[in-house]
């Protein structure tokens, strides 16, 4: 996996800047959990970041265990703090070289990770190795064909940079097919991430996503000011939650 998240500043901002309301986080945990191949599965979270999904899977799924793998020391420290007191275990490693035994897991989640993988075929082979027969991979991502995030309205250049960074659906499915996976379904799921545009703007002020690293400080500040101005202009209107939509690809081993 790439080392983009080794930036300590980004790791510090990532957890708060990408947090979800608890109801939304629970909805996501239950949604991805609906694809588990058996009750009380062993969960693997690859590219666990600051541990948000590890903690949620531990809280809201009847998992036999939850293990998160994360390459960034800064992110790993934050993830261990976020999951302290729970059953989730965090280990250092990459998607291309998982430090885990063969056939140890039932279901693996990769949330906003696929576009960071320098070698998707190698990652797919590793996932096939650590999953049991009939194991499942859930990819929570955005495919190049459906770049529709709200941030593009305020930072239009990000659509082009993400178009170059994010893979297309067909190429991702092809890489996993070569490793023995079959696409069970490709769908979308959306949940509220902020109660209002103003709240959303406040969360973004520390540039909590790696995509913002492609913007100059002046570009970022200008886009954030436009978002804040829109939030002020809507202040007299009923608050509208900001939702984020992601593509979800579910791939079965064997």
C-alpha atoms as a PDB file:
ATOM      1  CA  UNK A   1       0.000   0.000   0.000  1.00  0.00           C
ATOM      2  CA  UNK A   2       1.101   3.581  -0.534  1.00  0.00           C
ATOM      3  CA  UNK A   3       2.584   5.591   2.318  1.00  0.00           C
ATOM      4  CA  UNK A   4       0.290   8.575   1.824  1.00  0.00           C
ATOM      5  CA  UNK A   5      -1.123   8.243   5.331  1.00  0.00           C
ATOM      6  CA  UNK A   6       2.287   8.289   7.026  1.00  0.00           C
ATOM      7  CA  UNK A   7       1.819  12.037   7.337  1.00  0.00           C
ATOM      8  CA  UNK A   8       1.264  12.501  11.086  1.00  0.00           C
ATOM      9  CA  UNK A   9      -0.758  15.668  10.452  1.00  0.00           C
ATOM     10  CA  UNK A  10      -3.155  13.747   8.218  1.00  0.00           C
ATOM     11  CA  UNK A  11      -3.462  10.917  10.730  1.00  0.00           C
ATOM     12  CA  UNK A  12      -4.315  13.415  13.468  1.00  0.00           C
ATOM     13  CA  UNK A  13      -6.996  15.055  11.308  1.00  0.00           C
ATOM     14  CA  UNK A  14      -8.326  11.881   9.722  1.00  0.00           C
ATOM     15  CA  UNK A  15     -10.277  10.457  12.640  1.00  0.00           C
ATOM     16  CA  UNK A  16     -12.315  13.557  13.488  1.00  0.00           C
ATOM     17  CA  UNK A  17     -12.554  14.773   9.905  1.00  0.00           C
ATOM     18  CA  UNK A  18     -13.973  11.483   8.624  1.00  0.00           C
ATOM     19  CA  UNK A  19     -16.167  10.607  11.578  1.00  0.00           C
ATOM     20  CA  UNK A  20     -19.814   9.725  11.023  1.00  0.00           C
ATOM     21  CA  UNK A  21     -22.856  10.042  13.245  1.00  0.00           C
ATOM     22  CA  UNK A  22     -23.129   6.868  15.279  1.00  0.00           C
ATOM     23  CA  UNK A  23     -26.375   5.899  13.539  1.00  0.00           C
ATOM     24  CA  UNK A  24     -24.655   6.134  10.144  1.00  0.00           C
ATOM     25  CA  UNK A  25     -21.655   4.151  11.318  1.00  0.00           C
ATOM     26  CA  UNK A  26     -23.933   1.462  12.678  1.00  0.00           C
ATOM     27  CA  UNK A  27     -25.869   1.397   9.382  1.00  0.00           C
ATOM     28  CA  UNK A  28     -22.616   0.890   7.483  1.00  0.00           C
ATOM     29  CA  UNK A  29     -21.467  -1.871   9.838  1.00  0.00           C
ATOM     30  CA  UNK A  30     -24.792  -3.662   9.478  1.00  0.00           C
ATOM     31  CA  UNK A  31     -24.810  -3.194   5.698  1.00  0.00           C
ATOM     32  CA  UNK A  32     -21.344  -4.642   5.107  1.00  0.00           C
ATOM     33  CA  UNK A  33     -22.089  -7.292   7.725  1.00  0.00           C
ATOM     34  CA  UNK A  34     -25.090  -8.461   5.706  1.00  0.00           C
ATOM     35  CA  UNK A  35     -22.644  -9.986   3.206  1.00  0.00           C
ATOM     36  CA  UNK A  36     -20.896 -12.215   5.755  1.00  0.00           C
ATOM     37  CA  UNK A  37     -20.919 -15.860   4.643  1.00  0.00           C
ATOM     38  CA  UNK A  38     -21.724 -17.231   8.097  1.00  0.00           C
ATOM     39  CA  UNK A  39     -22.850 -16.108  11.572  1.00  0.00           C
ATOM     40  CA  UNK A  40     -20.174 -14.748  13.906  1.00  0.00           C
ATOM     41  CA  UNK A  41     -17.566 -14.388  11.175  1.00  0.00           C
ATOM     42  CA  UNK A  42     -13.896 -13.569  11.601  1.00  0.00           C
ATOM     43  CA  UNK A  43     -13.486 -10.032  10.228  1.00  0.00           C
ATOM     44  CA  UNK A  44     -10.440  -8.510   8.569  1.00  0.00           C
ATOM     45  CA  UNK A  45     -10.217  -4.748   7.979  1.00  0.00           C
ATOM     46  CA  UNK A  46      -7.434  -4.021   5.476  1.00  0.00           C
ATOM     47  CA  UNK A  47      -6.145  -0.468   5.483  1.00  0.00           C
ATOM     48  CA  UNK A  48      -7.865   0.115   8.811  1.00  0.00           C
ATOM     49  CA  UNK A  49      -6.780   3.753   9.046  1.00  0.00           C
ATOM     50  CA  UNK A  50      -7.657   5.185  12.440  1.00  0.00           C
ATOM     51  CA  UNK A  51      -9.784   2.174  13.387  1.00  0.00           C
ATOM     52  CA  UNK A  52     -13.282   3.552  12.787  1.00  0.00           C
ATOM     53  CA  UNK A  53     -14.607   0.412  11.103  1.00  0.00           C
ATOM     54  CA  UNK A  54     -12.700  -1.981  13.366  1.00  0.00           C
ATOM     55  CA  UNK A  55     -14.406  -0.396  16.345  1.00  0.00           C
ATOM     56  CA  UNK A  56     -17.816  -0.378  14.629  1.00  0.00           C
ATOM     57  CA  UNK A  57     -17.590  -4.014  13.553  1.00  0.00           C
ATOM     58  CA  UNK A  58     -16.623  -4.944  17.095  1.00  0.00           C
ATOM     59  CA  UNK A  59     -19.617  -3.015  18.492  1.00  0.00           C
ATOM     60  CA  UNK A  60     -22.311  -3.856  15.978  1.00  0.00           C
ATOM     61  CA  UNK A  61     -21.446  -7.253  14.501  1.00  0.00           C
ATOM     62  CA  UNK A  62     -21.476 -10.634  16.210  1.00  0.00           C
ATOM     63  CA  UNK A  63     -17.908 -11.225  15.127  1.00  0.00           C
ATOM     64  CA  UNK A  64     -15.787 -14.070  16.423  1.00  0.00           C
ATOM     65  CA  UNK A  65     -12.883 -11.642  16.084  1.00  0.00           C
ATOM     66  CA  UNK A  66     -11.885  -8.437  14.328  1.00  0.00           C
ATOM     67  CA  UNK A  67      -8.375  -7.776  13.053  1.00  0.00           C
ATOM     68  CA  UNK A  68      -7.265  -4.566  11.377  1.00  0.00           C
ATOM     69  CA  UNK A  69      -4.157  -4.240   9.219  1.00  0.00           C
ATOM     70  CA  UNK A  70      -2.627  -0.807   8.656  1.00  0.00           C
ATOM     71  CA  UNK A  71       0.763   0.172   7.176  1.00  0.00           C
ATOM     72  CA  UNK A  72       1.076   3.697   8.582  1.00  0.00           C
ATOM     73  CA  UNK A  73       2.584   3.939  12.086  1.00  0.00           C
ATOM     74  CA  UNK A  74       0.720   7.206  12.699  1.00  0.00           C
ATOM     75  CA  UNK A  75      -2.628   5.712  11.674  1.00  0.00           C
ATOM     76  CA  UNK A  76      -1.913   2.520  13.604  1.00  0.00           C
ATOM     77  CA  UNK A  77      -1.325   4.445  16.824  1.00  0.00           C
ATOM     78  CA  UNK A  78      -4.625   6.290  16.370  1.00  0.00           C
ATOM     79  CA  UNK A  79      -6.458   3.028  15.579  1.00  0.00           C
ATOM     80  CA  UNK A  80      -5.174   1.343  18.704  1.00  0.00           C
ATOM     81  CA  UNK A  81      -6.385   4.279  20.776  1.00  0.00           C
ATOM     82  CA  UNK A  82      -9.797   4.218  19.061  1.00  0.00           C
ATOM     83  CA  UNK A  83     -10.284   0.502  19.696  1.00  0.00           C
ATOM     84  CA  UNK A  84      -8.836   0.380  23.220  1.00  0.00           C
ATOM     85  CA  UNK A  85     -11.036  -1.639  25.542  1.00  0.00           C
ATOM     86  CA  UNK A  86     -12.654  -3.583  22.694  1.00  0.00           C
ATOM     87  CA  UNK A  87     -11.832  -6.935  21.130  1.00  0.00           C
ATOM     88  CA  UNK A  88     -10.395  -5.627  17.868  1.00  0.00           C
ATOM     89  CA  UNK A  89      -6.691  -6.256  17.294  1.00  0.00           C
ATOM     90  CA  UNK A  90      -4.545  -3.967  15.121  1.00  0.00           C
ATOM     91  CA  UNK A  91      -1.377  -5.130  13.375  1.00  0.00           C
ATOM     92  CA  UNK A  92       1.129  -3.471  11.062  1.00  0.00           C
ATOM     93  CA  UNK A  93       1.145  -4.704   7.491  1.00  0.00           C
ATOM     94  CA  UNK A  94       0.172  -4.046   3.896  1.00  0.00           C
ATOM     95  CA  UNK A  95      -2.545  -5.459   1.663  1.00  0.00           C
ATOM     96  CA  UNK A  96       0.128  -6.971  -0.582  1.00  0.00           C
ATOM     97  CA  UNK A  97       1.824  -8.779   2.329  1.00  0.00           C
ATOM     98  CA  UNK A  98      -0.705  -9.533   5.046  1.00  0.00           C
ATOM     99  CA  UNK A  99       0.974 -10.759   8.267  1.00  0.00           C
ATOM    100  CA  UNK A 100      -1.762 -13.343   8.775  1.00  0.00           C
ATOM    101  CA  UNK A 101      -2.252 -17.092   8.520  1.00  0.00           C
ATOM    102  CA  UNK A 102      -3.826 -18.843   5.546  1.00  0.00           C
ATOM    103  CA  UNK A 103      -7.597 -19.316   5.691  1.00  0.00           C
ATOM    104  CA  UNK A 104      -8.028 -17.379   8.928  1.00  0.00           C
ATOM    105  CA  UNK A 105     -10.926 -15.062   8.002  1.00  0.00           C
ATOM    106  CA  UNK A 106     -14.459 -15.197   6.634  1.00  0.00           C
ATOM    107  CA  UNK A 107     -14.871 -11.627   5.390  1.00  0.00           C
ATOM    108  CA  UNK A 108     -12.529  -8.743   4.588  1.00  0.00           C
ATOM    109  CA  UNK A 109     -13.404  -5.074   4.324  1.00  0.00           C
ATOM    110  CA  UNK A 110     -11.365  -2.555   2.334  1.00  0.00           C
ATOM    111  CA  UNK A 111     -12.860   0.872   3.001  1.00  0.00           C
ATOM    112  CA  UNK A 112     -11.552   3.679   0.788  1.00  0.00           C
ATOM    113  CA  UNK A 113      -8.400   1.655   0.194  1.00  0.00           C
ATOM    114  CA  UNK A 114      -8.474   0.266  -3.350  1.00  0.00           C
ATOM    115  CA  UNK A 115      -7.195   3.455  -5.003  1.00  0.00           C
ATOM    116  CA  UNK A 116      -4.177   3.474  -2.660  1.00  0.00           C
ATOM    117  CA  UNK A 117      -2.997  -0.021  -3.643  1.00  0.00           C
ATOM    118  CA  UNK A 118       0.125   0.038  -5.830  1.00  0.00           C
ATOM    119  CA  UNK A 119      -0.361  -3.654  -6.737  1.00  0.00           C
ATOM    120  CA  UNK A 120      -4.041  -4.654  -6.743  1.00  0.00           C
ATOM    121  CA  UNK A 121      -3.431  -8.143  -8.193  1.00  0.00           C
ATOM    122  CA  UNK A 122      -0.982  -8.920  -5.366  1.00  0.00           C
ATOM    123  CA  UNK A 123      -3.476  -7.620  -2.788  1.00  0.00           C
ATOM    124  CA  UNK A 124      -6.239  -9.738  -4.325  1.00  0.00           C
ATOM    125  CA  UNK A 125      -4.040 -12.835  -4.140  1.00  0.00           C
ATOM    126  CA  UNK A 126      -3.232 -12.140  -0.491  1.00  0.00           C
ATOM    127  CA  UNK A 127      -6.910 -11.752   0.326  1.00  0.00           C
ATOM    128  CA  UNK A 128      -7.638 -15.067  -1.389  1.00  0.00           C
ATOM    129  CA  UNK A 129      -4.921 -16.649   0.747  1.00  0.00           C
ATOM    130  CA  UNK A 130      -6.157 -15.413   4.135  1.00  0.00           C
ATOM    131  CA  UNK A 131      -9.856 -16.025   3.453  1.00  0.00           C
ATOM    132  CA  UNK A 132     -11.559 -19.347   4.028  1.00  0.00           C
ATOM    133  CA  UNK A 133     -13.369 -21.110   1.174  1.00  0.00           C
ATOM    134  CA  UNK A 134     -16.460 -19.059   0.274  1.00  0.00           C
ATOM    135  CA  UNK A 135     -14.898 -16.069   2.016  1.00  0.00           C
ATOM    136  CA  UNK A 136     -16.002 -12.595   0.958  1.00  0.00           C
ATOM    137  CA  UNK A 137     -14.286  -9.298   0.205  1.00  0.00           C
ATOM    138  CA  UNK A 138     -16.284  -6.069   0.535  1.00  0.00           C
ATOM    139  CA  UNK A 139     -14.803  -3.061  -1.262  1.00  0.00           C
ATOM    140  CA  UNK A 140     -16.140   0.283  -0.059  1.00  0.00           C
ATOM    141  CA  UNK A 141     -14.847   2.705  -2.650  1.00  0.00           C
ATOM    142  CA  UNK A 142     -15.656   5.121  -5.441  1.00  0.00           C
ATOM    143  CA  UNK A 143     -15.157   3.881  -8.965  1.00  0.00           C
ATOM    144  CA  UNK A 144     -13.853   6.300 -11.565  1.00  0.00           C
ATOM    145  CA  UNK A 145     -17.156   6.202 -13.456  1.00  0.00           C
ATOM    146  CA  UNK A 146     -19.114   7.602 -10.485  1.00  0.00           C
ATOM    147  CA  UNK A 147     -17.142  10.492  -9.014  1.00  0.00           C
ATOM    148  CA  UNK A 148     -20.066  12.388  -7.496  1.00  0.00           C
ATOM    149  CA  UNK A 149     -18.834  13.610  -4.089  1.00  0.00           C
ATOM    150  CA  UNK A 150     -19.961  17.005  -2.821  1.00  0.00           C
ATOM    151  CA  UNK A 151     -16.363  18.199  -2.553  1.00  0.00           C
ATOM    152  CA  UNK A 152     -16.122  18.397  -6.353  1.00  0.00           C
ATOM    153  CA  UNK A 153     -18.661  21.232  -6.324  1.00  0.00           C
ATOM    154  CA  UNK A 154     -16.243  23.344  -4.296  1.00  0.00           C
ATOM    155  CA  UNK A 155     -12.896  22.043  -5.540  1.00  0.00           C
ATOM    156  CA  UNK A 156     -13.592  21.132  -9.201  1.00  0.00           C
ATOM    157  CA  UNK A 157      -9.952  20.230  -9.905  1.00  0.00           C
ATOM    158  CA  UNK A 158     -10.250  17.302  -7.511  1.00  0.00           C
ATOM    159  CA  UNK A 159     -12.567  15.527  -9.946  1.00  0.00           C
ATOM    160  CA  UNK A 160      -9.726  15.387 -12.462  1.00  0.00           C
ATOM    161  CA  UNK A 161      -7.087  14.320  -9.937  1.00  0.00           C
ATOM    162  CA  UNK A 162      -9.384  11.641  -8.522  1.00  0.00           C
ATOM    163  CA  UNK A 163     -10.220  10.533 -12.048  1.00  0.00           C
ATOM    164  CA  UNK A 164      -6.526   9.819 -12.501  1.00  0.00           C
ATOM    165  CA  UNK A 165      -6.130   8.160  -9.081  1.00  0.00           C
ATOM    166  CA  UNK A 166      -9.277   6.064  -8.777  1.00  0.00           C
ATOM    167  CA  UNK A 167      -9.612   2.826 -10.777  1.00  0.00           C
ATOM    168  CA  UNK A 168     -12.625   1.879 -12.835  1.00  0.00           C
ATOM    169  CA  UNK A 169     -15.038  -0.864 -11.826  1.00  0.00           C
ATOM    170  CA  UNK A 170     -14.098  -3.246 -14.648  1.00  0.00           C
ATOM    171  CA  UNK A 171     -10.377  -3.138 -13.929  1.00  0.00           C
ATOM    172  CA  UNK A 172     -10.856  -3.771 -10.208  1.00  0.00           C
ATOM    173  CA  UNK A 173     -13.193  -6.703 -10.825  1.00  0.00           C
ATOM    174  CA  UNK A 174     -10.753  -8.118 -13.372  1.00  0.00           C
ATOM    175  CA  UNK A 175      -7.857  -8.006 -10.895  1.00  0.00           C
ATOM    176  CA  UNK A 176      -9.904  -9.884  -8.309  1.00  0.00           C
ATOM    177  CA  UNK A 177     -11.220 -12.363 -10.877  1.00  0.00           C
ATOM    178  CA  UNK A 178      -7.625 -13.341 -11.671  1.00  0.00           C
ATOM    179  CA  UNK A 179      -7.177 -14.173  -7.989  1.00  0.00           C
ATOM    180  CA  UNK A 180     -10.234 -16.444  -8.016  1.00  0.00           C
ATOM    181  CA  UNK A 181     -12.964 -14.066  -6.879  1.00  0.00           C
ATOM    182  CA  UNK A 182     -16.423 -13.809  -8.398  1.00  0.00           C
ATOM    183  CA  UNK A 183     -18.406 -10.564  -8.231  1.00  0.00           C
ATOM    184  CA  UNK A 184     -21.538 -11.243  -6.196  1.00  0.00           C
ATOM    185  CA  UNK A 185     -22.913  -7.717  -6.482  1.00  0.00           C
ATOM    186  CA  UNK A 186     -21.898  -4.115  -7.105  1.00  0.00           C
ATOM    187  CA  UNK A 187     -24.187  -1.591  -5.479  1.00  0.00           C
ATOM    188  CA  UNK A 188     -24.213   1.784  -3.735  1.00  0.00           C
ATOM    189  CA  UNK A 189     -24.894   2.838  -0.172  1.00  0.00           C
ATOM    190  CA  UNK A 190     -25.193   6.332   1.293  1.00  0.00           C
ATOM    191  CA  UNK A 191     -25.459   7.665   4.813  1.00  0.00           C
ATOM    192  CA  UNK A 192     -25.471  11.118   6.436  1.00  0.00           C
ATOM    193  CA  UNK A 193     -22.044  12.297   7.573  1.00  0.00           C
ATOM    194  CA  UNK A 194     -22.945  15.780   8.833  1.00  0.00           C
ATOM    195  CA  UNK A 195     -26.155  17.440   9.979  1.00  0.00           C
ATOM    196  CA  UNK A 196     -25.637  20.510   7.787  1.00  0.00           C
ATOM    197  CA  UNK A 197     -23.305  22.040   5.214  1.00  0.00           C
ATOM    198  CA  UNK A 198     -21.826  24.279   7.896  1.00  0.00           C
ATOM    199  CA  UNK A 199     -20.968  21.292  10.073  1.00  0.00           C
ATOM    200  CA  UNK A 200     -19.447  19.555   7.060  1.00  0.00           C
ATOM    201  CA  UNK A 201     -17.283  22.590   6.258  1.00  0.00           C
ATOM    202  CA  UNK A 202     -16.043  22.682   9.850  1.00  0.00           C
ATOM    203  CA  UNK A 203     -14.991  19.048   9.606  1.00  0.00           C
ATOM    204  CA  UNK A 204     -13.019  19.672   6.409  1.00  0.00           C
ATOM    205  CA  UNK A 205     -11.019  22.648   7.675  1.00  0.00           C
ATOM    206  CA  UNK A 206      -8.007  20.461   8.553  1.00  0.00           C
ATOM    207  CA  UNK A 207      -7.976  18.742   5.121  1.00  0.00           C
ATOM    208  CA  UNK A 208      -8.692  15.258   6.554  1.00  0.00           C
ATOM    209  CA  UNK A 209      -8.600  13.385   3.233  1.00  0.00           C
ATOM    210  CA  UNK A 210      -5.527  12.585   1.153  1.00  0.00           C
ATOM    211  CA  UNK A 211      -7.171  14.092  -1.951  1.00  0.00           C
ATOM    212  CA  UNK A 212      -6.776  17.591  -0.496  1.00  0.00           C
ATOM    213  CA  UNK A 213      -3.010  17.180  -0.664  1.00  0.00           C
ATOM    214  CA  UNK A 214      -3.338  17.769  -4.422  1.00  0.00           C
ATOM    215  CA  UNK A 215      -4.488  21.344  -3.807  1.00  0.00           C
ATOM    216  CA  UNK A 216      -2.396  24.358  -2.924  1.00  0.00           C
ATOM    217  CA  UNK A 217      -3.211  26.050   0.410  1.00  0.00           C
ATOM    218  CA  UNK A 218      -4.805  28.928  -1.521  1.00  0.00           C
ATOM    219  CA  UNK A 219      -6.964  26.587  -3.620  1.00  0.00           C
ATOM    220  CA  UNK A 220      -8.144  24.725  -0.559  1.00  0.00           C
ATOM    221  CA  UNK A 221      -8.914  27.927   1.346  1.00  0.00           C
ATOM    222  CA  UNK A 222     -10.909  29.342  -1.564  1.00  0.00           C
ATOM    223  CA  UNK A 223     -13.058  26.222  -1.877  1.00  0.00           C
ATOM    224  CA  UNK A 224     -13.668  26.049   1.851  1.00  0.00           C
ATOM    225  CA  UNK A 225     -14.716  29.701   1.875  1.00  0.00           C
ATOM    226  CA  UNK A 226     -17.232  29.007  -0.924  1.00  0.00           C
ATOM    227  CA  UNK A 227     -18.670  26.142   1.097  1.00  0.00           C
ATOM    228  CA  UNK A 228     -18.927  28.296   4.206  1.00  0.00           C
ATOM    229  CA  UNK A 229     -20.609  31.057   2.213  1.00  0.00           C
ATOM    230  CA  UNK A 230     -23.188  28.590   0.894  1.00  0.00           C
ATOM    231  CA  UNK A 231     -23.789  27.355   4.444  1.00  0.00           C
ATOM    232  CA  UNK A 232     -24.419  30.923   5.616  1.00  0.00           C
ATOM    233  CA  UNK A 233     -26.743  31.584   2.664  1.00  0.00           C
ATOM    234  CA  UNK A 234     -28.803  28.531   3.665  1.00  0.00           C
ATOM    235  CA  UNK A 235     -28.900  29.428   7.351  1.00  0.00           C
ATOM    236  CA  UNK A 236     -32.598  30.353   7.247  1.00  0.00           C
ATOM    237  CA  UNK A 237     -33.549  27.125   5.485  1.00  0.00           C
ATOM    238  CA  UNK A 238     -34.312  23.839   7.268  1.00  0.00           C
ATOM    239  CA  UNK A 239     -31.037  22.021   7.899  1.00  0.00           C
ATOM    240  CA  UNK A 240     -30.258  19.384   5.303  1.00  0.00           C
ATOM    241  CA  UNK A 241     -27.920  16.556   6.197  1.00  0.00           C
ATOM    242  CA  UNK A 242     -24.868  15.998   4.018  1.00  0.00           C
ATOM    243  CA  UNK A 243     -24.721  12.424   2.746  1.00  0.00           C
ATOM    244  CA  UNK A 244     -21.784  10.524   1.286  1.00  0.00           C
ATOM    245  CA  UNK A 245     -22.376   7.746  -1.231  1.00  0.00           C
ATOM    246  CA  UNK A 246     -19.942   4.941  -1.906  1.00  0.00           C
ATOM    247  CA  UNK A 247     -19.781   2.093  -4.371  1.00  0.00           C
ATOM    248  CA  UNK A 248     -19.765  -1.307  -2.698  1.00  0.00           C
ATOM    249  CA  UNK A 249     -18.412  -4.329  -4.547  1.00  0.00           C
ATOM    250  CA  UNK A 250     -18.911  -7.736  -2.940  1.00  0.00           C
ATOM    251  CA  UNK A 251     -16.579 -10.463  -4.187  1.00  0.00           C
ATOM    252  CA  UNK A 252     -16.760 -14.147  -3.224  1.00  0.00           C
ATOM    253  CA  UNK A 253     -13.747 -16.458  -3.123  1.00  0.00           C
ATOM    254  CA  UNK A 254     -14.018 -19.627  -5.121  1.00  0.00           C
END
